Amino acid sequence: MTVKIVSDEIGQQDAYTVRKKVFVEEQGVPLILELDEHDQEAIHFVVYDEVDQPIGAGRMRGLVNAHGKIERICILPEHRGKHLGFLIMNTLEEHALKNSMKKLVLNAQSYAVPFYEKLGYVVTSPEFMDADIPHRAMEKSLKND
């Protein structure tokens, strides 16, 4: 399994394919909310299996004050439980460090909070609704060694 930063149309479509299957088809998020205006400015990451099929995705946007925002982390259902979420998050964090980001923020679906806590993220908000799904804001300070 490999994680690639994709910038071409094919790679971005791979990311969108995974996101549509997870967020739109599985979770019922409206397509208009899933594919949004931030997709054009974001850096897209795609997890590919051993035959180069997309099985996971995520994106990161640069924010002010050397902060990055992680969004749309997802793994296809049949590939969950293989630590691919850790793989993609580690790749995003490495990219953030290489680009001198000092902090990463994200809005986690509430059920996924323990996953992000294992990676060192801390909850920074009460629960709120986004696309009719409960979320919590989280953040992690990065150390540039």
Protein backbone atom coordinates (compact mmCIF):
# COMPACT_ATOMS: atom_id res chain seq x y z
CA MET A 1 0.00 0.00 0.00
CA THR A 2 1.29 3.44 -0.88
CA VAL A 3 0.11 6.99 -0.28
CA LYS A 4 0.66 9.44 -3.12
CA ILE A 5 0.24 13.18 -3.27
CA VAL A 6 -1.78 13.66 -6.44
CA SER A 7 -2.05 16.82 -8.48
CA ASP A 8 -3.14 15.61 -11.90
CA GLU A 9 -6.75 15.11 -12.99
CA ILE A 10 -6.56 11.31 -12.79
CA GLY A 11 -5.23 11.35 -9.22
CA GLN A 12 -7.83 13.86 -8.10
CA GLN A 13 -10.57 11.73 -9.66
CA ASP A 14 -9.20 8.75 -7.71
CA ALA A 15 -9.57 10.78 -4.50
CA TYR A 16 -13.10 11.87 -5.46
CA THR A 17 -14.09 8.27 -6.28
CA VAL A 18 -13.14 7.07 -2.79
CA ARG A 19 -14.73 10.07 -1.10
CA LYS A 20 -18.00 9.62 -3.01
CA LYS A 21 -18.18 5.94 -2.01
CA VAL A 22 -17.51 6.66 1.67
CA PHE A 23 -19.13 9.99 2.35
CA VAL A 24 -21.93 10.20 -0.25
CA GLU A 25 -22.97 6.56 -0.72
CA GLU A 26 -22.14 5.12 2.71
CA GLN A 27 -22.80 8.11 4.99
CA GLY A 28 -25.40 10.01 2.97
CA VAL A 29 -23.54 13.32 2.69
CA PRO A 30 -24.94 15.36 -0.23
CA LEU A 31 -22.52 15.45 -3.17
CA ILE A 32 -22.69 19.27 -3.24
CA LEU A 33 -21.26 19.33 0.30
CA GLU A 34 -18.66 16.61 -0.28
CA LEU A 35 -17.04 18.05 -3.39
CA ASP A 36 -16.65 21.72 -2.53
CA GLU A 37 -14.81 24.92 -3.44
CA HIS A 38 -11.82 23.91 -1.31
CA ASP A 39 -10.95 20.96 -3.55
CA GLN A 40 -9.20 23.27 -6.01
CA GLU A 41 -6.81 24.72 -3.41
CA ALA A 42 -6.25 21.54 -1.40
CA ILE A 43 -3.42 19.04 -1.64
CA HIS A 44 -4.92 15.61 -2.26
CA PHE A 45 -3.55 12.34 -0.91
CA VAL A 46 -4.63 8.92 -2.20
CA VAL A 47 -3.92 5.47 -0.77
CA TYR A 48 -3.38 2.91 -3.53
CA ASP A 49 -3.41 -0.86 -3.11
CA GLU A 50 -0.87 -3.25 -4.61
CA VAL A 51 -2.60 -3.14 -8.02
CA ASP A 52 -2.75 0.67 -8.00
CA GLN A 53 -6.46 0.95 -7.20
CA PRO A 54 -7.50 3.88 -4.98
CA ILE A 55 -8.72 2.67 -1.58
CA GLY A 56 -8.30 5.73 0.67
CA ALA A 57 -8.10 9.48 0.42
CA GLY A 58 -7.69 12.74 2.27
CA ARG A 59 -6.85 16.36 1.67
CA MET A 60 -4.98 19.18 3.37
CA ARG A 61 -5.30 22.91 3.05
CA GLY A 62 -2.86 25.52 4.26
CA LEU A 63 -4.35 28.06 6.64
CA VAL A 64 -2.94 31.24 8.16
CA ASN A 65 -0.31 31.25 10.92
CA ALA A 66 1.46 28.10 9.65
CA HIS A 67 -1.59 25.94 10.35
CA GLY A 68 -2.87 23.19 8.10
CA LYS A 69 -6.37 21.74 7.95
CA ILE A 70 -6.84 18.03 7.39
CA GLU A 71 -10.10 17.03 5.76
CA ARG A 72 -11.92 14.16 4.09
CA ILE A 73 -9.87 11.29 5.54
CA CYS A 74 -11.53 8.05 4.41
CA ILE A 75 -10.81 4.41 3.66
CA LEU A 76 -13.11 2.13 1.65
CA PRO A 77 -15.05 -0.21 3.99
CA GLU A 78 -13.44 -3.40 2.70
CA HIS A 79 -9.97 -2.03 3.51
CA ARG A 80 -10.61 -0.76 7.04
CA GLY A 81 -8.79 -2.35 9.96
CA LYS A 82 -5.49 -2.51 8.04
CA HIS A 83 -3.96 0.62 9.65
CA LEU A 84 -4.35 2.59 6.42
CA GLY A 85 -5.79 5.54 8.34
CA PHE A 86 -2.51 5.74 10.27
CA LEU A 87 -0.59 5.46 7.00
CA ILE A 88 -2.39 8.36 5.35
CA MET A 89 -2.28 10.53 8.49
CA ASN A 90 1.46 9.96 8.90
CA THR A 91 1.98 10.96 5.26
CA LEU A 92 -0.08 14.14 5.72
CA GLU A 93 1.85 15.03 8.88
CA GLU A 94 5.21 14.45 7.15
CA HIS A 95 4.08 16.75 4.33
CA ALA A 96 3.00 19.38 6.86
CA LEU A 97 6.37 19.24 8.62
CA LYS A 98 8.27 19.55 5.32
CA ASN A 99 6.20 22.66 4.62
CA SER A 100 6.94 24.23 8.03
CA MET A 101 3.43 23.91 9.40
CA LYS A 102 3.31 24.28 13.16
CA LYS A 103 -0.19 22.98 13.87
CA LEU A 104 -2.77 20.77 12.21
CA VAL A 105 -6.50 21.11 12.80
CA LEU A 106 -9.37 18.87 11.74
CA ASN A 107 -13.05 18.24 12.34
CA ALA A 108 -13.41 14.58 13.24
CA GLN A 109 -16.63 12.64 13.06
CA SER A 110 -17.31 11.95 16.72
CA TYR A 111 -16.97 8.17 16.39
CA ALA A 112 -13.43 8.71 14.99
CA VAL A 113 -12.17 10.86 17.89
CA PRO A 114 -10.34 7.92 19.56
CA PHE A 115 -8.48 7.22 16.30
CA TYR A 116 -7.18 10.79 16.13
CA GLU A 117 -6.39 10.84 19.85
CA LYS A 118 -4.05 7.86 19.28
CA LEU A 119 -2.20 10.10 16.82
CA GLY A 120 -1.82 12.88 19.40
CA TYR A 121 -4.75 15.11 18.44
CA VAL A 122 -6.77 16.74 21.21
CA VAL A 123 -10.42 17.75 21.19
CA THR A 124 -10.91 21.53 21.12
CA SER A 125 -14.69 21.90 20.79
CA PRO A 126 -17.99 20.59 22.00
CA GLU A 127 -19.80 18.29 19.60
CA PHE A 128 -21.37 20.00 16.56
CA MET A 129 -23.25 18.87 13.49
CA ASP A 130 -21.78 18.98 9.99
CA ALA A 131 -23.76 17.41 7.12
CA ASP A 132 -26.06 15.94 9.82
CA ILE A 133 -23.11 14.01 11.32
CA PRO A 134 -21.77 14.75 14.85
CA HIS A 135 -18.21 16.15 14.81
CA ARG A 136 -15.57 17.49 17.21
CA ALA A 137 -12.81 19.95 16.34
CA MET A 138 -9.31 18.64 17.11
CA GLU A 139 -5.75 19.88 16.78
CA LYS A 140 -2.15 18.79 17.11
CA SER A 141 1.00 20.86 17.45
CA LEU A 142 3.85 19.69 15.24
CA LYS A 143 7.48 19.60 16.26
CA ASN A 144 10.07 20.41 13.61
CA ASP A 145 13.11 18.46 14.82
